[in-house]
N, C-alpha and C. Protein backbone atom coordinates (compact mmCIF):
# COMPACT_ATOMS: atom_id res chain seq x y z
N GLU A 1 57.80 10.24 -32.02
CA GLU A 1 59.03 9.10 -32.31
C GLU A 1 59.65 10.05 -33.16
N SER A 2 61.01 10.59 -32.91
CA SER A 2 61.65 11.21 -33.73
C SER A 2 61.92 10.76 -34.86
N GLN A 3 62.43 11.77 -36.13
CA GLN A 3 62.09 11.00 -37.77
C GLN A 3 63.76 11.35 -37.76
N LEU A 4 64.22 9.92 -37.51
CA LEU A 4 65.96 9.76 -37.73
C LEU A 4 66.18 9.30 -39.18
N PRO A 5 67.47 10.04 -40.01
CA PRO A 5 67.36 9.77 -41.16
C PRO A 5 67.99 8.08 -41.50
N GLU A 6 67.30 7.66 -42.61
CA GLU A 6 67.78 6.29 -42.75
C GLU A 6 69.04 5.79 -42.35
N CYS A 7 69.78 6.18 -42.57
CA CYS A 7 71.54 6.18 -42.09
C CYS A 7 71.62 5.77 -40.17
N GLU A 8 71.06 7.08 -40.26
CA GLU A 8 70.97 6.73 -37.73
C GLU A 8 70.54 5.60 -37.68
N LYS A 9 69.30 5.47 -38.25
CA LYS A 9 68.77 4.07 -38.09
C LYS A 9 68.80 2.93 -38.42
N SER A 10 70.08 3.02 -39.62
CA SER A 10 70.72 1.69 -39.36
C SER A 10 71.97 1.28 -38.91
N VAL A 11 72.37 2.43 -38.42
CA VAL A 11 73.34 2.37 -37.21
C VAL A 11 72.88 2.16 -36.26
N SER A 12 71.63 2.66 -35.53
CA SER A 12 70.83 2.03 -34.11
C SER A 12 70.63 0.48 -34.30
N GLU A 13 70.59 0.02 -35.29
CA GLU A 13 69.91 -1.39 -35.61
C GLU A 13 71.39 -2.04 -35.62
N LEU A 14 72.29 -1.59 -36.26
CA LEU A 14 73.59 -2.50 -36.01
C LEU A 14 73.85 -2.59 -34.59
N GLU A 15 74.03 -1.31 -33.89
CA GLU A 15 74.63 -1.44 -32.36
C GLU A 15 73.48 -2.30 -31.56
N ARG A 16 72.71 -2.22 -31.64
CA ARG A 16 71.28 -3.51 -31.31
C ARG A 16 72.11 -4.70 -31.51
N ASP A 17 71.96 -4.83 -32.91
CA ASP A 17 72.17 -6.61 -33.34
C ASP A 17 73.61 -6.74 -32.89
N CYS A 18 74.58 -6.04 -32.46
CA CYS A 18 76.30 -6.10 -31.98
C CYS A 18 76.01 -6.34 -30.55
N GLN A 19 75.33 -5.42 -29.66
CA GLN A 19 74.76 -5.72 -28.43
C GLN A 19 74.35 -6.80 -27.97
N ARG A 20 73.37 -7.72 -29.07
CA ARG A 20 72.45 -8.88 -28.90
C ARG A 20 74.13 -10.19 -29.20
N ALA A 21 74.45 -10.17 -30.12
CA ALA A 21 75.50 -10.97 -30.81
C ALA A 21 76.75 -10.94 -29.08
N LEU A 22 76.91 -9.64 -28.64
CA LEU A 22 77.78 -9.90 -27.66
C LEU A 22 77.75 -10.72 -26.30
N ALA A 23 76.19 -10.43 -26.22
CA ALA A 23 75.36 -10.72 -25.15
C ALA A 23 75.33 -11.91 -24.96
N LEU A 24 74.99 -12.65 -26.32
CA LEU A 24 74.63 -14.33 -26.48
C LEU A 24 76.07 -15.10 -26.78
N ALA A 25 76.99 -14.31 -27.11
CA ALA A 25 78.22 -14.99 -27.15
C ALA A 25 78.66 -14.95 -25.35
N LEU A 26 78.75 -14.10 -24.92
CA LEU A 26 78.82 -13.90 -23.55
C LEU A 26 78.18 -14.83 -22.79
N GLU A 27 77.01 -15.28 -22.91
CA GLU A 27 76.55 -16.21 -22.13
C GLU A 27 76.56 -17.75 -22.53
N ARG A 28 77.27 -18.15 -23.89
CA ARG A 28 77.33 -19.43 -23.84
C ARG A 28 78.55 -19.46 -23.76
N ALA A 29 79.64 -18.65 -23.72
CA ALA A 29 80.72 -18.76 -23.40
C ALA A 29 81.13 -18.92 -21.70
N LYS A 30 80.23 -18.38 -21.30
CA LYS A 30 80.93 -18.25 -19.38
C LYS A 30 81.81 -18.18 -19.04
N PRO A 31 83.09 -17.14 -19.14
CA PRO A 31 83.95 -16.95 -18.71
C PRO A 31 84.15 -16.81 -17.59
N SER A 32 85.49 -17.48 -17.03
CA SER A 32 85.16 -16.83 -15.31
C SER A 32 85.42 -15.82 -14.59
N GLU A 33 84.85 -16.10 -13.36
CA GLU A 33 84.55 -14.69 -12.62
C GLU A 33 85.76 -13.76 -12.92
N GLU A 34 86.99 -14.24 -12.77
CA GLU A 34 88.33 -14.04 -12.81
C GLU A 34 88.95 -13.04 -14.13
N ALA A 35 87.94 -13.65 -15.29
CA ALA A 35 88.32 -13.16 -16.53
C ALA A 35 88.51 -11.56 -16.26
N LYS A 36 89.66 -10.73 -16.67
CA LYS A 36 89.42 -9.47 -16.74
C LYS A 36 89.16 -8.61 -18.06
N VAL A 37 89.52 -9.53 -18.90
CA VAL A 37 89.40 -9.23 -20.09
C VAL A 37 88.78 -10.18 -20.64
N VAL A 38 87.68 -9.92 -21.59
CA VAL A 38 87.01 -10.43 -22.48
C VAL A 38 86.98 -9.92 -24.38
N GLU A 39 87.31 -11.15 -24.96
CA GLU A 39 87.67 -10.22 -26.21
C GLU A 39 86.73 -11.04 -27.68
N VAL A 40 86.08 -10.04 -28.47
CA VAL A 40 85.08 -11.02 -29.52
C VAL A 40 85.63 -10.22 -30.74
N SER A 41 85.54 -10.58 -31.98
CA SER A 41 86.23 -9.66 -33.26
C SER A 41 84.62 -9.40 -33.46
N VAL A 42 84.28 -8.27 -34.19
CA VAL A 42 82.50 -8.13 -34.81
C VAL A 42 82.97 -7.64 -35.81
N LEU A 43 82.56 -7.76 -36.84
CA LEU A 43 82.47 -7.60 -38.18
C LEU A 43 81.48 -7.30 -38.98
N ILE A 44 81.31 -5.56 -39.22
CA ILE A 44 79.90 -5.59 -40.21
C ILE A 44 80.47 -5.54 -41.57
N THR A 45 79.44 -6.33 -42.54
CA THR A 45 79.83 -6.22 -44.08
C THR A 45 78.71 -5.93 -44.90
N ASP A 46 79.04 -6.87 -46.05
CA ASP A 46 77.71 -6.75 -46.61
C ASP A 46 77.39 -7.96 -47.48
N ASP A 47 76.43 -7.96 -47.92
CA ASP A 47 76.22 -9.58 -48.14
C ASP A 47 76.93 -10.22 -49.47
N GLU A 48 77.79 -9.65 -50.49
CA GLU A 48 78.59 -10.18 -50.88
C GLU A 48 80.08 -11.02 -49.89
N GLU A 49 80.40 -9.99 -49.42
CA GLU A 49 81.77 -10.52 -48.44
C GLU A 49 81.19 -11.75 -47.44
N ILE A 50 79.66 -11.99 -47.04
CA ILE A 50 79.20 -12.45 -46.03
C ILE A 50 78.94 -14.22 -46.78
N LYS A 51 78.42 -13.88 -48.52
CA LYS A 51 78.53 -14.95 -49.04
C LYS A 51 79.78 -15.68 -49.00
N ASN A 52 80.82 -14.54 -49.54
CA ASN A 52 82.14 -15.47 -49.73
C ASN A 52 82.89 -16.08 -48.43
N LEU A 53 82.41 -15.32 -47.29
CA LEU A 53 82.68 -16.18 -46.32
C LEU A 53 81.76 -17.22 -45.78
N ASN A 54 81.05 -17.41 -46.06
CA ASN A 54 80.24 -18.65 -45.79
C ASN A 54 80.32 -19.39 -47.19
N SER A 55 80.42 -19.28 -48.22
CA SER A 55 81.23 -20.37 -48.86
C SER A 55 82.42 -20.61 -48.99
N THR A 56 83.55 -20.08 -48.44
CA THR A 56 84.80 -20.99 -48.01
C THR A 56 84.79 -21.76 -46.70
N TRP A 57 84.02 -20.77 -45.66
CA TRP A 57 84.05 -21.57 -44.28
C TRP A 57 82.93 -22.75 -44.09
N ARG A 58 81.97 -22.43 -44.33
CA ARG A 58 80.92 -23.07 -44.65
C ARG A 58 80.63 -24.01 -45.75
N GLY A 59 81.13 -23.81 -46.94
CA GLY A 59 80.63 -24.68 -48.41
C GLY A 59 78.96 -24.09 -48.68
N ILE A 60 78.80 -23.39 -48.10
CA ILE A 60 77.49 -22.94 -48.14
C ILE A 60 77.41 -21.38 -49.62
N ASP A 61 77.30 -21.56 -50.29
CA ASP A 61 77.07 -20.53 -51.50
C ASP A 61 76.33 -19.34 -51.47
N ARG A 62 75.83 -18.90 -50.26
CA ARG A 62 74.92 -17.91 -50.33
C ARG A 62 75.09 -17.17 -49.30
N PRO A 63 74.48 -15.54 -49.26
CA PRO A 63 74.69 -14.84 -48.34
C PRO A 63 73.54 -15.28 -46.89
N THR A 64 74.28 -14.83 -45.92
CA THR A 64 73.89 -15.01 -44.56
C THR A 64 73.28 -13.84 -43.38
N ASP A 65 72.87 -13.72 -42.51
CA ASP A 65 72.77 -12.73 -41.80
C ASP A 65 73.51 -12.32 -40.82
N VAL A 66 73.83 -13.49 -40.21
CA VAL A 66 75.43 -13.34 -39.35
C VAL A 66 75.91 -14.93 -39.50
N LEU A 67 77.30 -14.67 -39.21
CA LEU A 67 78.36 -15.90 -39.51
C LEU A 67 78.86 -15.63 -37.89
N SER A 68 79.39 -16.86 -37.17
CA SER A 68 80.22 -16.81 -35.95
C SER A 68 81.13 -18.07 -36.03
N PHE A 69 82.04 -17.78 -35.54
CA PHE A 69 83.02 -18.62 -35.57
C PHE A 69 83.97 -18.73 -33.79
N PRO A 70 84.18 -19.78 -33.66
CA PRO A 70 84.92 -19.65 -32.19
C PRO A 70 86.42 -19.48 -32.16
N ASN A 71 86.96 -19.26 -31.36
CA ASN A 71 88.68 -18.60 -30.95
C ASN A 71 89.06 -19.57 -31.62
N GLY A 72 90.04 -19.23 -32.53
CA GLY A 72 91.39 -20.41 -32.49
C GLY A 72 92.15 -20.01 -31.17
N GLU A 73 93.28 -20.44 -31.72
CA GLU A 73 94.70 -20.36 -30.66
C GLU A 73 94.70 -19.17 -30.39
N VAL A 74 95.25 -19.32 -28.86
CA VAL A 74 95.50 -17.58 -28.39
C VAL A 74 96.95 -17.84 -28.12
N PRO A 75 97.42 -16.86 -28.33
CA PRO A 75 98.86 -16.87 -28.17
C PRO A 75 99.60 -17.23 -26.78
N PRO A 76 100.91 -17.46 -26.61
CA PRO A 76 100.79 -17.59 -24.96
C PRO A 76 101.44 -16.36 -24.37
N GLY A 77 100.70 -15.99 -23.24
CA GLY A 77 100.62 -14.55 -22.51
C GLY A 77 99.70 -13.99 -22.83
N TYR A 78 99.11 -14.09 -23.85
CA TYR A 78 97.82 -13.25 -23.71
C TYR A 78 96.70 -13.52 -22.86
N ASP A 79 96.75 -12.72 -22.10
CA ASP A 79 95.68 -12.56 -21.13
C ASP A 79 94.31 -12.32 -20.87
N ALA A 80 93.56 -11.89 -22.51
CA ALA A 80 92.29 -12.15 -22.89
C ALA A 80 91.83 -13.30 -22.94
N VAL A 81 90.23 -13.71 -22.38
CA VAL A 81 89.77 -14.91 -22.96
C VAL A 81 88.87 -14.57 -24.20
N VAL A 82 89.29 -15.04 -25.35
CA VAL A 82 89.27 -14.87 -26.67
C VAL A 82 88.25 -15.40 -26.92
N LEU A 83 86.88 -15.15 -27.77
CA LEU A 83 85.55 -15.85 -27.93
C LEU A 83 85.40 -16.28 -29.06
N GLY A 84 86.21 -15.88 -29.89
CA GLY A 84 85.75 -15.61 -31.54
C GLY A 84 85.43 -14.51 -32.33
N ASP A 85 84.67 -14.84 -33.47
CA ASP A 85 84.58 -14.13 -34.33
C ASP A 85 82.58 -13.46 -34.87
N ILE A 86 82.50 -12.79 -34.92
CA ILE A 86 81.02 -12.36 -35.40
C ILE A 86 80.84 -11.65 -36.40
N ILE A 87 80.54 -11.60 -37.60
CA ILE A 87 80.17 -11.28 -38.72
C ILE A 87 78.74 -11.05 -39.20
N ILE A 88 78.56 -9.79 -39.04
CA ILE A 88 77.06 -9.51 -39.55
C ILE A 88 76.94 -9.03 -40.87
N SER A 89 75.77 -9.06 -41.60
CA SER A 89 75.69 -8.72 -42.80
C SER A 89 74.25 -7.49 -42.74
N ALA A 90 75.25 -6.17 -43.20
CA ALA A 90 74.29 -4.86 -43.19
C ALA A 90 73.84 -4.40 -44.26
C-alpha cells in the first residue's frame, strides 16, 4: 500500500463520502428514466459551520457528520431534476 500524505488521504475519503451520498440520494429520489440532468448540491465544511446549520435548521446545537435537505422550489423552465443539498463535515 502506498503511503499517501494525510491531505491526499482526506481528499480520497471525501470523494468516497460524496460518491456514497450521491448514490443514496439517487436511489431514494428515483428520478424518471427520461431525466437528462439530475442536480444535487454538495458542500464540504467544518464542524463549526455544520453545527450552525444543524442549530438553524434542526434546532440541534451540536455538529453532525452529514446534513441533507430535500429540494425547494424549482424555477419554471428549469429542466434538471433537483434532489436537494448534502452538507458533509470534514
